[in-house]
Amino acid sequence: MFRDVSACNTYNYGDALYWDARYIQDANCGSFDWYQRYSALRPFVRKYISPTSRVLMVGCGNAVISEDMVKDGFEDIMNIDISSVAIDMMRKKYENVPQLKYMQMDVKDMSFFPDESFDSVIDKGTLDSLMCGTSAPINAAQMLGEVSRLLKPGGVYMLITYGDPTVRMPHINRPVYNWKIELYIIPRPGFQKPAGSTPKSYLEPIPMTEKGQLPADYTLEDPDSHYIYVCKKIDEPTLTSDRSTDSLTDDTLQR
């Protein structure tokens, strides 16, 4: 379990100073959503997370995914980020949207929140940022331990990442978290299928081996795909009764 050297450049994405400087520099450039917009993630979010859930968005930055979720009916989203610049910016932007709350916080230490505070946690690139920083395995373990602590039994940690199972499963598939993990793979935005290729649905979970890896014969349609790990906390059998029953369809994926 090492730092994601091959996917990182010289920046330390786990450093608050880097992000503060970036958000100050990009203040006039508008919002930025890493990897995927909510329109592509909506089928997965609606399947696993109820609009009445208390949601924690880790590493929110200046992305609009939380705003889009509120427009889609979600009622309570706590957004945190290590950058005070980003949080101040977003708090001011959404001061009249009561469904959205913002706090400056390090995901490695979320002790402000009591145990089992959230029904779900959404992570779009934050674990990846830590994996590009120094002491990556330790930082990842601290963050994931906090995520597990904050999840209610039956709650879901949804990780959207560039990391395939060879580099992500060793971190998230640890017995201490007791997560049941499902994996989806979706192409990057703007990906064009080769002419004449067989249509492929992205809405079914990928069967993984006993070791939590992709089958040997599995071929990525897009080499730069994004991976969605749905990690359900199963240390107690209780499930939330109001979980969304929305099913995944190709129609909803295009919305």
C-alpha atoms as a PDB file:
ATOM      1  CA  MET A   1       0.000   0.000   0.000  1.00  0.00           C
ATOM      2  CA  PHE A   2       2.018   2.896  -1.292  1.00  0.00           C
ATOM      3  CA  ARG A   3       1.592   6.419  -2.516  1.00  0.00           C
ATOM      4  CA  ASP A   4      -0.004   6.698  -5.983  1.00  0.00           C
ATOM      5  CA  VAL A   5       3.227   7.887  -7.554  1.00  0.00           C
ATOM      6  CA  SER A   6       2.201   7.094 -11.121  1.00  0.00           C
ATOM      7  CA  ALA A   7      -0.933   9.230 -10.867  1.00  0.00           C
ATOM      8  CA  CYS A   8       0.583  12.207  -9.052  1.00  0.00           C
ATOM      9  CA  ASN A   9       2.678  15.161 -10.061  1.00  0.00           C
ATOM     10  CA  THR A  10       4.888  17.381  -7.925  1.00  0.00           C
ATOM     11  CA  TYR A  11       1.969  18.937  -6.030  1.00  0.00           C
ATOM     12  CA  ASN A  12       1.095  17.765  -2.538  1.00  0.00           C
ATOM     13  CA  TYR A  13      -2.652  17.388  -2.877  1.00  0.00           C
ATOM     14  CA  GLY A  14      -2.985  16.555   0.798  1.00  0.00           C
ATOM     15  CA  ASP A  15      -1.706  19.961   1.885  1.00  0.00           C
ATOM     16  CA  ALA A  16      -4.124  22.743   2.908  1.00  0.00           C
ATOM     17  CA  LEU A  17      -1.664  25.395   1.707  1.00  0.00           C
ATOM     18  CA  TYR A  18      -1.781  23.986  -1.820  1.00  0.00           C
ATOM     19  CA  TRP A  19      -5.582  24.118  -1.920  1.00  0.00           C
ATOM     20  CA  ASP A  20      -5.829  27.571  -0.348  1.00  0.00           C
ATOM     21  CA  ALA A  21      -3.461  28.925  -2.988  1.00  0.00           C
ATOM     22  CA  ARG A  22      -5.316  27.154  -5.773  1.00  0.00           C
ATOM     23  CA  TYR A  23      -8.750  28.456  -4.743  1.00  0.00           C
ATOM     24  CA  ILE A  24      -7.410  31.993  -4.389  1.00  0.00           C
ATOM     25  CA  GLN A  25      -5.851  31.750  -7.849  1.00  0.00           C
ATOM     26  CA  ASP A  26      -8.988  30.230  -9.395  1.00  0.00           C
ATOM     27  CA  ALA A  27     -11.475  32.481  -7.583  1.00  0.00           C
ATOM     28  CA  ASN A  28     -12.772  33.933 -10.841  1.00  0.00           C
ATOM     29  CA  CYS A  29     -12.851  30.643 -12.754  1.00  0.00           C
ATOM     30  CA  GLY A  30     -16.102  29.299 -11.328  1.00  0.00           C
ATOM     31  CA  SER A  31     -16.772  25.876  -9.855  1.00  0.00           C
ATOM     32  CA  PHE A  32     -14.912  22.705 -10.700  1.00  0.00           C
ATOM     33  CA  ASP A  33     -16.145  19.132 -10.309  1.00  0.00           C
ATOM     34  CA  TRP A  34     -13.479  16.427 -10.203  1.00  0.00           C
ATOM     35  CA  TYR A  35     -13.995  13.371 -12.384  1.00  0.00           C
ATOM     36  CA  GLN A  36     -17.770  13.325 -12.863  1.00  0.00           C
ATOM     37  CA  ARG A  37     -20.754  15.647 -12.645  1.00  0.00           C
ATOM     38  CA  TYR A  38     -23.835  14.743 -10.646  1.00  0.00           C
ATOM     39  CA  SER A  39     -25.809  13.931 -13.806  1.00  0.00           C
ATOM     40  CA  ALA A  40     -23.560  10.901 -14.377  1.00  0.00           C
ATOM     41  CA  LEU A  41     -23.476   9.876 -10.715  1.00  0.00           C
ATOM     42  CA  ARG A  42     -27.189  10.365 -10.050  1.00  0.00           C
ATOM     43  CA  PRO A  43     -28.299   6.764 -10.724  1.00  0.00           C
ATOM     44  CA  PHE A  44     -25.796   5.439  -8.197  1.00  0.00           C
ATOM     45  CA  VAL A  45     -26.496   8.125  -5.607  1.00  0.00           C
ATOM     46  CA  ARG A  46     -30.260   7.645  -5.878  1.00  0.00           C
ATOM     47  CA  LYS A  47     -29.973   3.882  -5.584  1.00  0.00           C
ATOM     48  CA  TYR A  48     -27.885   3.844  -2.425  1.00  0.00           C
ATOM     49  CA  ILE A  49     -28.665   7.142  -0.667  1.00  0.00           C
ATOM     50  CA  SER A  50     -32.081   8.403   0.385  1.00  0.00           C
ATOM     51  CA  PRO A  51     -32.878  12.109  -0.109  1.00  0.00           C
ATOM     52  CA  THR A  52     -33.786  12.229   3.604  1.00  0.00           C
ATOM     53  CA  SER A  53     -30.363  10.895   4.614  1.00  0.00           C
ATOM     54  CA  ARG A  54     -27.848  13.023   6.453  1.00  0.00           C
ATOM     55  CA  VAL A  55     -24.991  13.212   3.939  1.00  0.00           C
ATOM     56  CA  LEU A  56     -21.360  14.141   4.517  1.00  0.00           C
ATOM     57  CA  MET A  57     -19.505  15.449   1.450  1.00  0.00           C
ATOM     58  CA  VAL A  58     -15.780  15.164   2.160  1.00  0.00           C
ATOM     59  CA  GLY A  59     -13.363  17.414   0.272  1.00  0.00           C
ATOM     60  CA  CYS A  60     -16.182  19.463  -1.218  1.00  0.00           C
ATOM     61  CA  GLY A  61     -13.943  22.133  -2.756  1.00  0.00           C
ATOM     62  CA  ASN A  62     -15.973  24.481  -4.946  1.00  0.00           C
ATOM     63  CA  ALA A  63     -17.840  21.712  -6.773  1.00  0.00           C
ATOM     64  CA  VAL A  64     -21.567  21.991  -7.471  1.00  0.00           C
ATOM     65  CA  ILE A  65     -22.468  18.339  -6.790  1.00  0.00           C
ATOM     66  CA  SER A  66     -24.056  19.255  -3.439  1.00  0.00           C
ATOM     67  CA  GLU A  67     -26.086  22.020  -5.071  1.00  0.00           C
ATOM     68  CA  ASP A  68     -27.241  19.584  -7.752  1.00  0.00           C
ATOM     69  CA  MET A  69     -28.220  17.046  -5.089  1.00  0.00           C
ATOM     70  CA  VAL A  70     -30.339  19.647  -3.310  1.00  0.00           C
ATOM     71  CA  LYS A  71     -32.073  20.433  -6.597  1.00  0.00           C
ATOM     72  CA  ASP A  72     -32.711  16.684  -6.843  1.00  0.00           C
ATOM     73  CA  GLY A  73     -34.438  16.628  -3.455  1.00  0.00           C
ATOM     74  CA  PHE A  74     -31.662  15.942  -0.940  1.00  0.00           C
ATOM     75  CA  GLU A  75     -32.362  17.689   2.338  1.00  0.00           C
ATOM     76  CA  ASP A  76     -29.260  17.691   4.534  1.00  0.00           C
ATOM     77  CA  ILE A  77     -25.679  17.822   3.230  1.00  0.00           C
ATOM     78  CA  MET A  78     -22.717  18.726   5.423  1.00  0.00           C
ATOM     79  CA  ASN A  79     -19.766  19.797   3.279  1.00  0.00           C
ATOM     80  CA  ILE A  80     -16.228  19.824   4.629  1.00  0.00           C
ATOM     81  CA  ASP A  81     -12.870  20.749   3.140  1.00  0.00           C
ATOM     82  CA  ILE A  82      -9.362  21.312   4.439  1.00  0.00           C
ATOM     83  CA  SER A  83      -9.204  24.680   2.661  1.00  0.00           C
ATOM     84  CA  SER A  84     -10.631  27.581   4.641  1.00  0.00           C
ATOM     85  CA  VAL A  85     -10.613  29.606   1.411  1.00  0.00           C
ATOM     86  CA  ALA A  86     -12.932  27.137  -0.306  1.00  0.00           C
ATOM     87  CA  ILE A  87     -15.222  26.877   2.713  1.00  0.00           C
ATOM     88  CA  ASP A  88     -15.552  30.643   3.102  1.00  0.00           C
ATOM     89  CA  MET A  89     -16.321  30.939  -0.592  1.00  0.00           C
ATOM     90  CA  MET A  90     -18.973  28.212  -0.562  1.00  0.00           C
ATOM     91  CA  ARG A  91     -20.557  29.302   2.717  1.00  0.00           C
ATOM     92  CA  LYS A  92     -21.105  32.745   1.269  1.00  0.00           C
ATOM     93  CA  LYS A  93     -22.387  31.348  -2.035  1.00  0.00           C
ATOM     94  CA  TYR A  94     -24.981  29.121  -0.361  1.00  0.00           C
ATOM     95  CA  GLU A  95     -25.852  31.185   2.703  1.00  0.00           C
ATOM     96  CA  ASN A  96     -29.525  31.132   1.655  1.00  0.00           C
ATOM     97  CA  VAL A  97     -29.653  27.370   1.018  1.00  0.00           C
ATOM     98  CA  PRO A  98     -30.443  25.770   4.405  1.00  0.00           C
ATOM     99  CA  GLN A  99     -29.896  22.240   3.093  1.00  0.00           C
ATOM    100  CA  LEU A 100     -26.190  22.967   2.610  1.00  0.00           C
ATOM    101  CA  LYS A 101     -23.797  23.473   5.511  1.00  0.00           C
ATOM    102  CA  TYR A 102     -20.042  24.114   5.273  1.00  0.00           C
ATOM    103  CA  MET A 103     -17.192  23.572   7.742  1.00  0.00           C
ATOM    104  CA  GLN A 104     -13.423  23.738   7.430  1.00  0.00           C
ATOM    105  CA  MET A 105     -12.113  20.352   8.545  1.00  0.00           C
ATOM    106  CA  ASP A 106      -9.372  17.804   7.917  1.00  0.00           C
ATOM    107  CA  VAL A 107     -10.818  14.436   6.883  1.00  0.00           C
ATOM    108  CA  LYS A 108      -8.131  12.706   8.930  1.00  0.00           C
ATOM    109  CA  ASP A 109      -9.634  14.153  12.111  1.00  0.00           C
ATOM    110  CA  MET A 110     -13.404  14.663  12.095  1.00  0.00           C
ATOM    111  CA  SER A 111     -13.750  14.324  15.864  1.00  0.00           C
ATOM    112  CA  PHE A 112     -16.109  17.321  15.876  1.00  0.00           C
ATOM    113  CA  PHE A 113     -18.790  14.847  14.780  1.00  0.00           C
ATOM    114  CA  PRO A 114     -19.978  12.100  17.166  1.00  0.00           C
ATOM    115  CA  ASP A 115     -19.905   8.429  16.169  1.00  0.00           C
ATOM    116  CA  GLU A 116     -22.573   7.319  13.678  1.00  0.00           C
ATOM    117  CA  SER A 117     -23.497  10.898  12.730  1.00  0.00           C
ATOM    118  CA  PHE A 118     -24.190  10.286   9.039  1.00  0.00           C
ATOM    119  CA  ASP A 119     -26.226   7.972   6.856  1.00  0.00           C
ATOM    120  CA  SER A 120     -23.803   8.359   3.975  1.00  0.00           C
ATOM    121  CA  VAL A 121     -20.440   9.818   3.023  1.00  0.00           C
ATOM    122  CA  ILE A 122     -19.563  10.852  -0.540  1.00  0.00           C
ATOM    123  CA  ASP A 123     -15.945  11.171  -1.612  1.00  0.00           C
ATOM    124  CA  LYS A 124     -15.160  12.429  -5.106  1.00  0.00           C
ATOM    125  CA  GLY A 125     -11.381  12.521  -5.305  1.00  0.00           C
ATOM    126  CA  THR A 126     -10.494  13.246  -1.676  1.00  0.00           C
ATOM    127  CA  LEU A 127      -8.938   9.879  -0.895  1.00  0.00           C
ATOM    128  CA  ASP A 128      -7.074  10.229  -4.178  1.00  0.00           C
ATOM    129  CA  SER A 129      -5.665  13.558  -2.975  1.00  0.00           C
ATOM    130  CA  LEU A 130      -4.360  11.936   0.198  1.00  0.00           C
ATOM    131  CA  MET A 131      -2.824   9.135  -1.838  1.00  0.00           C
ATOM    132  CA  CYS A 132      -0.779  11.772  -3.663  1.00  0.00           C
ATOM    133  CA  GLY A 133       0.534  13.287  -0.453  1.00  0.00           C
ATOM    134  CA  THR A 134       3.283  12.331   1.945  1.00  0.00           C
ATOM    135  CA  SER A 135       2.609   9.466   4.399  1.00  0.00           C
ATOM    136  CA  ALA A 136      -0.142   8.348   2.032  1.00  0.00           C
ATOM    137  CA  PRO A 137      -1.026   4.943   3.604  1.00  0.00           C
ATOM    138  CA  ILE A 138      -1.186   6.414   7.114  1.00  0.00           C
ATOM    139  CA  ASN A 139      -3.281   9.374   5.987  1.00  0.00           C
ATOM    140  CA  ALA A 140      -5.628   7.097   4.044  1.00  0.00           C
ATOM    141  CA  ALA A 141      -6.099   4.841   7.064  1.00  0.00           C
ATOM    142  CA  GLN A 142      -6.834   7.826   9.301  1.00  0.00           C
ATOM    143  CA  MET A 143      -9.418   9.170   6.879  1.00  0.00           C
ATOM    144  CA  LEU A 144     -11.111   5.827   6.251  1.00  0.00           C
ATOM    145  CA  GLY A 145     -11.197   5.061   9.956  1.00  0.00           C
ATOM    146  CA  GLU A 146     -12.987   8.354  10.533  1.00  0.00           C
ATOM    147  CA  VAL A 147     -15.424   7.668   7.687  1.00  0.00           C
ATOM    148  CA  SER A 148     -16.251   4.261   9.169  1.00  0.00           C
ATOM    149  CA  ARG A 149     -16.715   5.773  12.634  1.00  0.00           C
ATOM    150  CA  LEU A 150     -19.101   8.416  11.354  1.00  0.00           C
ATOM    151  CA  LEU A 151     -21.289   6.044   9.347  1.00  0.00           C
ATOM    152  CA  LYS A 152     -24.420   4.661  10.924  1.00  0.00           C
ATOM    153  CA  PRO A 153     -24.953   0.884  10.658  1.00  0.00           C
ATOM    154  CA  GLY A 154     -26.252   0.255   7.154  1.00  0.00           C
ATOM    155  CA  GLY A 155     -24.724   3.532   5.992  1.00  0.00           C
ATOM    156  CA  VAL A 156     -22.833   3.929   2.733  1.00  0.00           C
ATOM    157  CA  TYR A 157     -19.440   5.371   1.849  1.00  0.00           C
ATOM    158  CA  MET A 158     -19.461   6.148  -1.881  1.00  0.00           C
ATOM    159  CA  LEU A 159     -15.945   6.586  -3.255  1.00  0.00           C
ATOM    160  CA  ILE A 160     -15.485   7.987  -6.770  1.00  0.00           C
ATOM    161  CA  THR A 161     -11.850   7.562  -7.780  1.00  0.00           C
ATOM    162  CA  TYR A 162      -9.386   6.950 -10.595  1.00  0.00           C
ATOM    163  CA  GLY A 163      -7.932   4.085  -8.533  1.00  0.00           C
ATOM    164  CA  ASP A 164      -8.591   0.576  -9.802  1.00  0.00           C
ATOM    165  CA  PRO A 165      -8.998  -2.308  -7.323  1.00  0.00           C
ATOM    166  CA  THR A 166      -5.273  -3.117  -7.289  1.00  0.00           C
ATOM    167  CA  VAL A 167      -4.538   0.240  -5.609  1.00  0.00           C
ATOM    168  CA  ARG A 168      -7.796   0.990  -3.771  1.00  0.00           C
ATOM    169  CA  MET A 169      -9.060  -2.328  -2.386  1.00  0.00           C
ATOM    170  CA  PRO A 170      -6.019  -2.831  -0.093  1.00  0.00           C
ATOM    171  CA  HIS A 171      -7.012   0.424   1.620  1.00  0.00           C
ATOM    172  CA  ILE A 172     -10.816   0.155   1.751  1.00  0.00           C
ATOM    173  CA  ASN A 173     -11.273  -3.612   2.087  1.00  0.00           C
ATOM    174  CA  ARG A 174      -9.943  -3.911   5.634  1.00  0.00           C
ATOM    175  CA  PRO A 175     -11.797  -6.038   8.223  1.00  0.00           C
ATOM    176  CA  VAL A 176     -11.776  -3.187  10.744  1.00  0.00           C
ATOM    177  CA  TYR A 177     -14.221  -1.225   8.562  1.00  0.00           C
ATOM    178  CA  ASN A 178     -16.527  -4.219   7.981  1.00  0.00           C
ATOM    179  CA  TRP A 179     -17.762  -2.865   4.672  1.00  0.00           C
ATOM    180  CA  LYS A 180     -19.566  -4.829   2.019  1.00  0.00           C
ATOM    181  CA  ILE A 181     -18.157  -3.398  -1.210  1.00  0.00           C
ATOM    182  CA  GLU A 182     -19.710  -3.198  -4.667  1.00  0.00           C
ATOM    183  CA  LEU A 183     -17.829  -1.785  -7.648  1.00  0.00           C
ATOM    184  CA  TYR A 184     -19.052   0.091 -10.700  1.00  0.00           C
ATOM    185  CA  ILE A 185     -16.894   1.367 -13.550  1.00  0.00           C
ATOM    186  CA  ILE A 186     -17.936   4.309 -15.711  1.00  0.00           C
ATOM    187  CA  PRO A 187     -16.102   6.049 -18.566  1.00  0.00           C
ATOM    188  CA  ARG A 188     -14.660   9.500 -18.160  1.00  0.00           C
ATOM    189  CA  PRO A 189     -16.828  12.412 -19.359  1.00  0.00           C
ATOM    190  CA  GLY A 190     -16.703  12.846 -23.114  1.00  0.00           C
ATOM    191  CA  PHE A 191     -15.454   9.329 -23.813  1.00  0.00           C
ATOM    192  CA  GLN A 192     -16.432   8.170 -27.301  1.00  0.00           C
ATOM    193  CA  LYS A 193     -17.003   4.479 -27.852  1.00  0.00           C
ATOM    194  CA  PRO A 194     -15.163   3.026 -30.844  1.00  0.00           C
ATOM    195  CA  ALA A 195     -17.343   2.719 -33.917  1.00  0.00           C
ATOM    196  CA  GLY A 196     -19.024  -0.658 -34.100  1.00  0.00           C
ATOM    197  CA  SER A 197     -18.360  -1.553 -30.454  1.00  0.00           C
ATOM    198  CA  THR A 198     -20.958  -3.573 -28.559  1.00  0.00           C
ATOM    199  CA  PRO A 199     -23.147  -1.429 -26.280  1.00  0.00           C
ATOM    200  CA  LYS A 200     -22.215  -1.881 -22.622  1.00  0.00           C
ATOM    201  CA  SER A 201     -24.205  -0.988 -19.526  1.00  0.00           C
ATOM    202  CA  TYR A 202     -22.330   0.716 -16.696  1.00  0.00           C
ATOM    203  CA  LEU A 203     -25.188   0.194 -14.283  1.00  0.00           C
ATOM    204  CA  GLU A 204     -24.436  -3.313 -13.081  1.00  0.00           C
ATOM    205  CA  PRO A 205     -21.823  -3.962 -10.389  1.00  0.00           C
ATOM    206  CA  ILE A 206     -18.616  -5.580 -11.575  1.00  0.00           C
ATOM    207  CA  PRO A 207     -18.069  -9.074 -10.130  1.00  0.00           C
ATOM    208  CA  MET A 208     -14.761  -9.099  -8.277  1.00  0.00           C
ATOM    209  CA  THR A 209     -12.586 -12.045  -7.360  1.00  0.00           C
ATOM    210  CA  GLU A 210     -12.314 -13.370  -3.795  1.00  0.00           C
ATOM    211  CA  LYS A 211      -9.277 -11.138  -3.386  1.00  0.00           C
ATOM    212  CA  GLY A 212     -11.290  -8.093  -4.420  1.00  0.00           C
ATOM    213  CA  GLN A 213      -9.771  -7.684  -7.873  1.00  0.00           C
ATOM    214  CA  LEU A 214     -11.189  -7.446 -11.381  1.00  0.00           C
ATOM    215  CA  PRO A 215     -11.629 -10.766 -13.200  1.00  0.00           C
ATOM    216  CA  ALA A 216      -8.614 -11.667 -15.326  1.00  0.00           C
ATOM    217  CA  ASP A 217     -10.687 -11.482 -18.517  1.00  0.00           C
ATOM    218  CA  TYR A 218     -12.254  -8.092 -17.741  1.00  0.00           C
ATOM    219  CA  THR A 219     -11.458  -5.406 -20.332  1.00  0.00           C
ATOM    220  CA  LEU A 220     -11.886  -1.709 -19.678  1.00  0.00           C
ATOM    221  CA  GLU A 221     -13.830   0.012 -22.428  1.00  0.00           C
ATOM    222  CA  ASP A 222     -12.161   3.288 -21.452  1.00  0.00           C
ATOM    223  CA  PRO A 223      -8.600   2.941 -20.118  1.00  0.00           C
ATOM    224  CA  ASP A 224      -9.130   6.134 -18.098  1.00  0.00           C
ATOM    225  CA  SER A 225     -12.370   4.998 -16.510  1.00  0.00           C
ATOM    226  CA  HIS A 226     -13.525   6.124 -13.090  1.00  0.00           C
ATOM    227  CA  TYR A 227     -14.335   3.630 -10.362  1.00  0.00           C
ATOM    228  CA  ILE A 228     -17.266   3.880  -7.960  1.00  0.00           C
ATOM    229  CA  TYR A 229     -16.865   1.829  -4.778  1.00  0.00           C
ATOM    230  CA  VAL A 230     -20.060   1.525  -2.753  1.00  0.00           C
ATOM    231  CA  CYS A 231     -19.045   0.495   0.772  1.00  0.00           C
ATOM    232  CA  LYS A 232     -21.937  -0.431   3.062  1.00  0.00           C
ATOM    233  CA  LYS A 233     -21.299  -0.642   6.797  1.00  0.00           C
ATOM    234  CA  ILE A 234     -22.582  -4.040   7.913  1.00  0.00           C
ATOM    235  CA  ASP A 235     -21.520  -4.355  11.556  1.00  0.00           C
ATOM    236  CA  GLU A 236     -25.217  -4.409  12.449  1.00  0.00           C
ATOM    237  CA  PRO A 237     -28.039  -5.872  10.328  1.00  0.00           C
ATOM    238  CA  THR A 238     -30.271  -2.825  10.734  1.00  0.00           C
ATOM    239  CA  LEU A 239     -31.055  -1.064   7.475  1.00  0.00           C
ATOM    240  CA  THR A 240     -32.594   2.366   7.092  1.00  0.00           C
ATOM    241  CA  SER A 241     -36.261   1.997   6.191  1.00  0.00           C
ATOM    242  CA  ASP A 242     -36.390   5.053   3.950  1.00  0.00           C
ATOM    243  CA  ARG A 243     -33.579   4.026   1.625  1.00  0.00           C
ATOM    244  CA  SER A 244     -34.292   5.037  -1.942  1.00  0.00           C
ATOM    245  CA  THR A 245     -35.685   2.295  -4.129  1.00  0.00           C
ATOM    246  CA  ASP A 246     -34.664   3.988  -7.345  1.00  0.00           C
ATOM    247  CA  SER A 247     -33.192   1.415  -9.711  1.00  0.00           C
ATOM    248  CA  LEU A 248     -30.378   1.996 -12.155  1.00  0.00           C
ATOM    249  CA  THR A 249     -31.444   2.421 -15.739  1.00  0.00           C
ATOM    250  CA  ASP A 250     -29.591   3.611 -18.784  1.00  0.00           C
ATOM    251  CA  ASP A 251     -32.164   6.388 -19.076  1.00  0.00           C
ATOM    252  CA  THR A 252     -31.340   7.805 -15.645  1.00  0.00           C
ATOM    253  CA  LEU A 253     -27.617   7.598 -16.327  1.00  0.00           C
ATOM    254  CA  GLN A 254     -28.071  10.046 -19.195  1.00  0.00           C
ATOM    255  CA  ARG A 255     -30.058  12.568 -17.146  1.00  0.00           C
END
